[in-house]
Amino acid sequence: MTPALRQVVLLAAELEPALATVRGALGLNPGVRDAEGMAKLGFEHEVLAIDDTFIEIVTPLSPDSSPGRLLGRRGEAGYMVVLQVPSLDDVVKRAATAGLAPIMHTVYEGHPISQWHPRDLGTLAEIDEIAQDAPWHLCPALSDTGSTAVARDITGVVLEVPYPVAMARRWADVLDLSLDDGATTLRLGERTIEFVAGDRGLTRVRLDADGRTGFVACGVTFEPTSGSNA
């Protein structure tokens, strides 16, 4: 199994208006919430399903939490990308050779999962070991909510980072993916992660969503690509 981009997470000041924007633009059904579990982490949230890719919107419960302070400093923004890999141990070992280590490494619902600091990967990143034929997080409830009436897939993301070439190489090394010298776009199967100059992390999400103009939610631009990987 090739590493796969499965989920993007947006940081919102208010949950319901952000959900209304994304659901309305993409024709998505109401999603799934884990109120108790997320409250322990200091968030309120909802996960929206597009077939087998997902958009999660979170809002901090306290302005004094780490995400609350981030929201206070930078406003609404892209918060995290989530990847699925066949072996998290292999990812951690490869990262260690570059002097990197996850800030969280645990088992959730029987699956090894990890989170990585934005200074290391250009955005808060979650890398999870889930078998290709296993259900995604919050399933089976989440799988029953998917809608492809307007959007069919997340085809890629764009991350703003200070050094795009170096960051693309770092991701390629950690995920054991091929990358041409000087390239700034990483291919994960049919999806992509593109690195561009900047410092805001996740700024764009590309979608297979024919016939729809782009929109902005939580400071992130959503770009229809008509099924291409742009």
Protein backbone atom coordinates (compact mmCIF):
# COMPACT_ATOMS: atom_id res chain seq x y z
CA MET A 1 0.00 0.00 0.00
CA THR A 2 1.31 3.43 -0.98
CA PRO A 3 0.99 6.17 1.66
CA ALA A 4 -2.31 7.96 1.09
CA LEU A 5 -3.66 11.42 1.86
CA ARG A 6 -6.97 10.76 3.63
CA GLN A 7 -8.07 13.81 5.61
CA VAL A 8 -7.63 17.56 6.01
CA VAL A 9 -8.39 19.45 9.20
CA LEU A 10 -9.45 23.11 9.41
CA LEU A 11 -9.25 25.34 12.48
CA ALA A 12 -12.40 27.46 12.89
CA ALA A 13 -13.40 30.24 15.25
CA GLU A 14 -16.98 28.92 15.26
CA LEU A 15 -17.87 25.39 14.26
CA GLU A 16 -21.37 25.71 12.83
CA PRO A 17 -20.74 28.53 10.31
CA ALA A 18 -17.64 26.76 9.01
CA LEU A 19 -19.55 23.49 8.64
CA ALA A 20 -22.35 25.29 6.80
CA THR A 21 -19.86 26.81 4.34
CA VAL A 22 -18.12 23.54 3.51
CA ARG A 23 -21.26 21.42 3.42
CA GLY A 24 -23.11 23.95 1.30
CA ALA A 25 -20.31 24.35 -1.25
CA LEU A 26 -19.60 20.62 -1.59
CA GLY A 27 -23.06 19.16 -1.11
CA LEU A 28 -21.97 17.11 1.88
CA ASN A 29 -24.19 15.38 4.41
CA PRO A 30 -24.00 16.05 8.14
CA GLY A 31 -20.93 14.35 9.53
CA VAL A 32 -19.92 12.52 12.68
CA ARG A 33 -18.72 13.85 16.03
CA ASP A 34 -16.86 12.31 18.93
CA ALA A 35 -17.84 14.95 21.46
CA GLU A 36 -16.44 13.23 24.54
CA GLY A 37 -13.15 12.17 22.99
CA MET A 38 -12.46 15.54 21.38
CA ALA A 39 -13.42 17.44 24.52
CA LYS A 40 -10.57 15.64 26.29
CA LEU A 41 -8.27 17.14 23.65
CA GLY A 42 -9.80 20.60 24.04
CA PHE A 43 -11.84 20.68 20.83
CA GLU A 44 -15.32 20.59 19.41
CA HIS A 45 -15.42 19.05 15.93
CA GLU A 46 -17.22 17.32 13.09
CA VAL A 47 -15.85 15.08 10.34
CA LEU A 48 -17.43 15.29 6.87
CA ALA A 49 -17.05 12.42 4.39
CA ILE A 50 -16.42 12.58 0.64
CA ASP A 51 -16.34 8.90 -0.32
CA ASP A 52 -12.98 7.80 1.18
CA THR A 53 -11.46 11.24 1.90
CA PHE A 54 -12.55 13.47 4.75
CA ILE A 55 -12.73 17.08 5.92
CA GLU A 56 -12.65 17.70 9.66
CA ILE A 57 -13.41 21.08 11.19
CA VAL A 58 -12.30 21.78 14.76
CA THR A 59 -12.70 24.72 17.10
CA PRO A 60 -10.87 25.12 20.43
CA LEU A 61 -12.91 24.96 23.61
CA SER A 62 -10.52 27.36 25.36
CA PRO A 63 -8.54 30.36 24.08
CA ASP A 64 -5.75 29.34 26.46
CA SER A 65 -5.13 25.97 24.77
CA SER A 66 -2.40 25.55 22.14
CA PRO A 67 -4.88 25.62 19.23
CA GLY A 68 -6.77 28.43 20.95
CA ARG A 69 -3.61 30.53 21.05
CA LEU A 70 -2.89 29.65 17.43
CA LEU A 71 -6.37 30.80 16.47
CA GLY A 72 -5.79 34.02 18.40
CA ARG A 73 -2.49 34.70 16.62
CA ARG A 74 -3.30 33.69 13.07
CA GLY A 75 -7.07 33.44 12.80
CA GLU A 76 -8.87 30.62 11.05
CA ALA A 77 -6.51 28.42 9.07
CA GLY A 78 -5.61 25.02 7.76
CA TYR A 79 -4.64 22.97 10.79
CA MET A 80 -3.54 19.45 9.89
CA VAL A 81 -3.21 16.82 7.16
CA VAL A 82 -3.75 13.14 7.90
CA LEU A 83 -2.04 10.31 6.02
CA GLN A 84 -2.52 6.55 6.01
CA VAL A 85 0.60 4.35 5.81
CA PRO A 86 1.20 0.59 5.78
CA SER A 87 3.79 0.70 8.61
CA LEU A 88 4.11 3.49 11.14
CA ASP A 89 7.20 1.87 12.69
CA ASP A 90 8.98 2.22 9.36
CA VAL A 91 8.00 5.90 9.14
CA VAL A 92 9.29 6.57 12.65
CA LYS A 93 12.58 4.78 11.91
CA ARG A 94 13.17 6.71 8.69
CA ALA A 95 12.29 9.99 10.42
CA ALA A 96 14.76 9.24 13.21
CA THR A 97 17.63 9.17 10.70
CA ALA A 98 16.78 12.80 9.94
CA GLY A 99 16.60 13.69 13.64
CA LEU A 100 12.80 13.78 13.69
CA ALA A 101 10.39 12.19 16.15
CA PRO A 102 6.61 12.31 16.56
CA ILE A 103 5.16 14.51 19.27
CA MET A 104 2.50 11.83 19.82
CA HIS A 105 2.77 8.09 19.13
CA THR A 106 0.04 5.85 20.49
CA VAL A 107 -2.60 3.26 19.63
CA TYR A 108 -6.14 4.47 18.92
CA GLU A 109 -9.00 2.07 18.19
CA GLY A 110 -6.39 -0.65 17.68
CA HIS A 111 -4.39 1.36 15.12
CA PRO A 112 -0.91 2.89 15.66
CA ILE A 113 -1.17 6.64 15.08
CA SER A 114 1.23 9.57 15.35
CA GLN A 115 1.34 13.35 15.15
CA TRP A 116 4.27 15.47 14.00
CA HIS A 117 5.17 19.07 14.84
CA PRO A 118 4.62 21.78 12.20
CA ARG A 119 8.25 22.87 12.41
CA ASP A 120 9.29 19.37 11.30
CA LEU A 121 6.81 18.76 8.45
CA GLY A 122 5.54 22.25 7.60
CA THR A 123 2.12 21.62 9.13
CA LEU A 124 0.73 19.63 12.00
CA ALA A 125 0.59 16.17 10.45
CA GLU A 126 -0.99 12.93 11.56
CA ILE A 127 0.40 9.70 10.12
CA ASP A 128 -1.65 6.60 10.93
CA GLU A 129 -1.13 2.90 10.29
CA ILE A 130 -4.46 1.54 9.14
CA ALA A 131 -4.76 -1.49 6.86
CA GLN A 132 -5.94 -0.75 3.33
CA ASP A 133 -9.15 -2.76 3.80
CA ALA A 134 -9.85 -1.49 7.33
CA PRO A 135 -12.41 1.25 8.07
CA TRP A 136 -11.21 4.80 8.62
CA HIS A 137 -11.52 6.56 11.99
CA LEU A 138 -15.04 6.92 13.44
CA CYS A 139 -16.32 4.16 11.16
CA PRO A 140 -18.75 2.58 10.60
CA ALA A 141 -20.82 5.65 11.48
CA LEU A 142 -18.68 7.95 9.32
CA SER A 143 -18.84 5.73 6.24
CA ASP A 144 -22.62 6.02 6.19
CA THR A 145 -22.49 9.82 5.79
CA GLY A 146 -20.42 10.18 2.60
CA SER A 147 -21.66 12.14 -0.40
CA THR A 148 -20.17 12.42 -3.89
CA ALA A 149 -22.99 14.43 -5.48
CA VAL A 150 -20.74 17.49 -5.96
CA ALA A 151 -17.24 16.56 -4.80
CA ARG A 152 -15.85 13.10 -5.39
CA ASP A 153 -12.38 13.19 -3.87
CA ILE A 154 -9.66 15.31 -2.32
CA THR A 155 -6.99 15.20 -5.04
CA GLY A 156 -4.27 17.13 -3.24
CA VAL A 157 -3.16 19.79 -0.80
CA VAL A 158 -0.76 22.73 -0.93
CA LEU A 159 1.50 23.49 2.02
CA GLU A 160 3.23 26.85 2.42
CA VAL A 161 6.69 26.28 3.91
CA PRO A 162 9.88 28.38 4.09
CA TYR A 163 11.97 25.92 2.03
CA PRO A 164 9.74 23.98 -0.41
CA VAL A 165 12.44 21.84 -2.05
CA ALA A 166 13.96 20.76 1.25
CA MET A 167 10.57 20.04 2.81
CA ALA A 168 9.43 17.99 -0.17
CA ARG A 169 12.62 15.93 0.10
CA ARG A 170 12.06 15.45 3.85
CA TRP A 171 8.53 14.14 3.31
CA ALA A 172 9.74 11.85 0.52
CA ASP A 173 12.46 10.41 2.73
CA VAL A 174 10.14 9.90 5.70
CA LEU A 175 7.47 8.22 3.56
CA ASP A 176 9.95 6.34 1.36
CA LEU A 177 8.65 7.89 -1.86
CA SER A 178 10.55 8.76 -5.02
CA LEU A 179 11.10 12.45 -5.81
CA ASP A 180 13.13 14.06 -8.57
CA ASP A 181 15.88 16.46 -7.51
CA GLY A 182 14.46 19.95 -7.03
CA ALA A 183 10.84 18.76 -7.24
CA THR A 184 8.27 20.26 -4.89
CA THR A 185 5.26 18.03 -5.58
CA LEU A 186 4.98 14.67 -3.87
CA ARG A 187 2.74 11.99 -5.35
CA LEU A 188 0.85 9.67 -3.03
CA GLY A 189 -0.93 7.41 -5.46
CA GLU A 190 -3.51 9.54 -7.26
CA ARG A 191 -3.22 12.42 -4.77
CA THR A 192 -0.51 15.04 -4.29
CA ILE A 193 1.13 17.25 -1.69
CA GLU A 194 2.65 20.39 -3.22
CA PHE A 195 5.06 22.62 -1.30
CA VAL A 196 5.25 26.34 -2.08
CA ALA A 197 7.06 29.26 -0.46
CA GLY A 198 5.39 30.77 2.60
CA ASP A 199 4.83 30.04 6.27
CA ARG A 200 1.15 29.23 6.76
CA GLY A 201 1.15 25.47 6.29
CA LEU A 202 -2.05 24.09 4.77
CA THR A 203 -3.49 26.79 2.51
CA ARG A 204 -5.17 24.97 -0.40
CA VAL A 205 -7.19 21.82 -0.90
CA ARG A 206 -7.74 20.47 -4.41
CA LEU A 207 -10.87 18.54 -5.24
CA ASP A 208 -12.36 16.42 -7.97
CA ALA A 209 -15.50 18.55 -8.18
CA ASP A 210 -16.63 19.37 -11.71
CA GLY A 211 -18.62 22.48 -12.46
CA ARG A 212 -18.08 24.29 -9.18
CA THR A 213 -16.20 27.48 -8.52
CA GLY A 214 -13.69 27.52 -5.72
CA PHE A 215 -14.46 28.77 -2.26
CA VAL A 216 -12.65 29.67 0.95
CA ALA A 217 -13.33 28.14 4.36
CA CYS A 218 -11.28 28.82 7.49
CA GLY A 219 -8.69 30.66 5.42
CA VAL A 220 -8.15 27.64 3.14
CA THR A 221 -8.90 27.84 -0.59
CA PHE A 222 -10.74 24.86 -2.05
CA GLU A 223 -9.95 24.41 -5.75
CA PRO A 224 -11.91 22.13 -8.09
CA THR A 225 -9.56 20.27 -10.44
CA SER A 226 -12.08 18.28 -12.51
CA GLY A 227 -10.47 15.05 -11.46
CA SER A 228 -6.92 16.03 -12.36
CA ASN A 229 -4.09 16.08 -9.85
CA ALA A 230 -3.04 19.58 -10.96
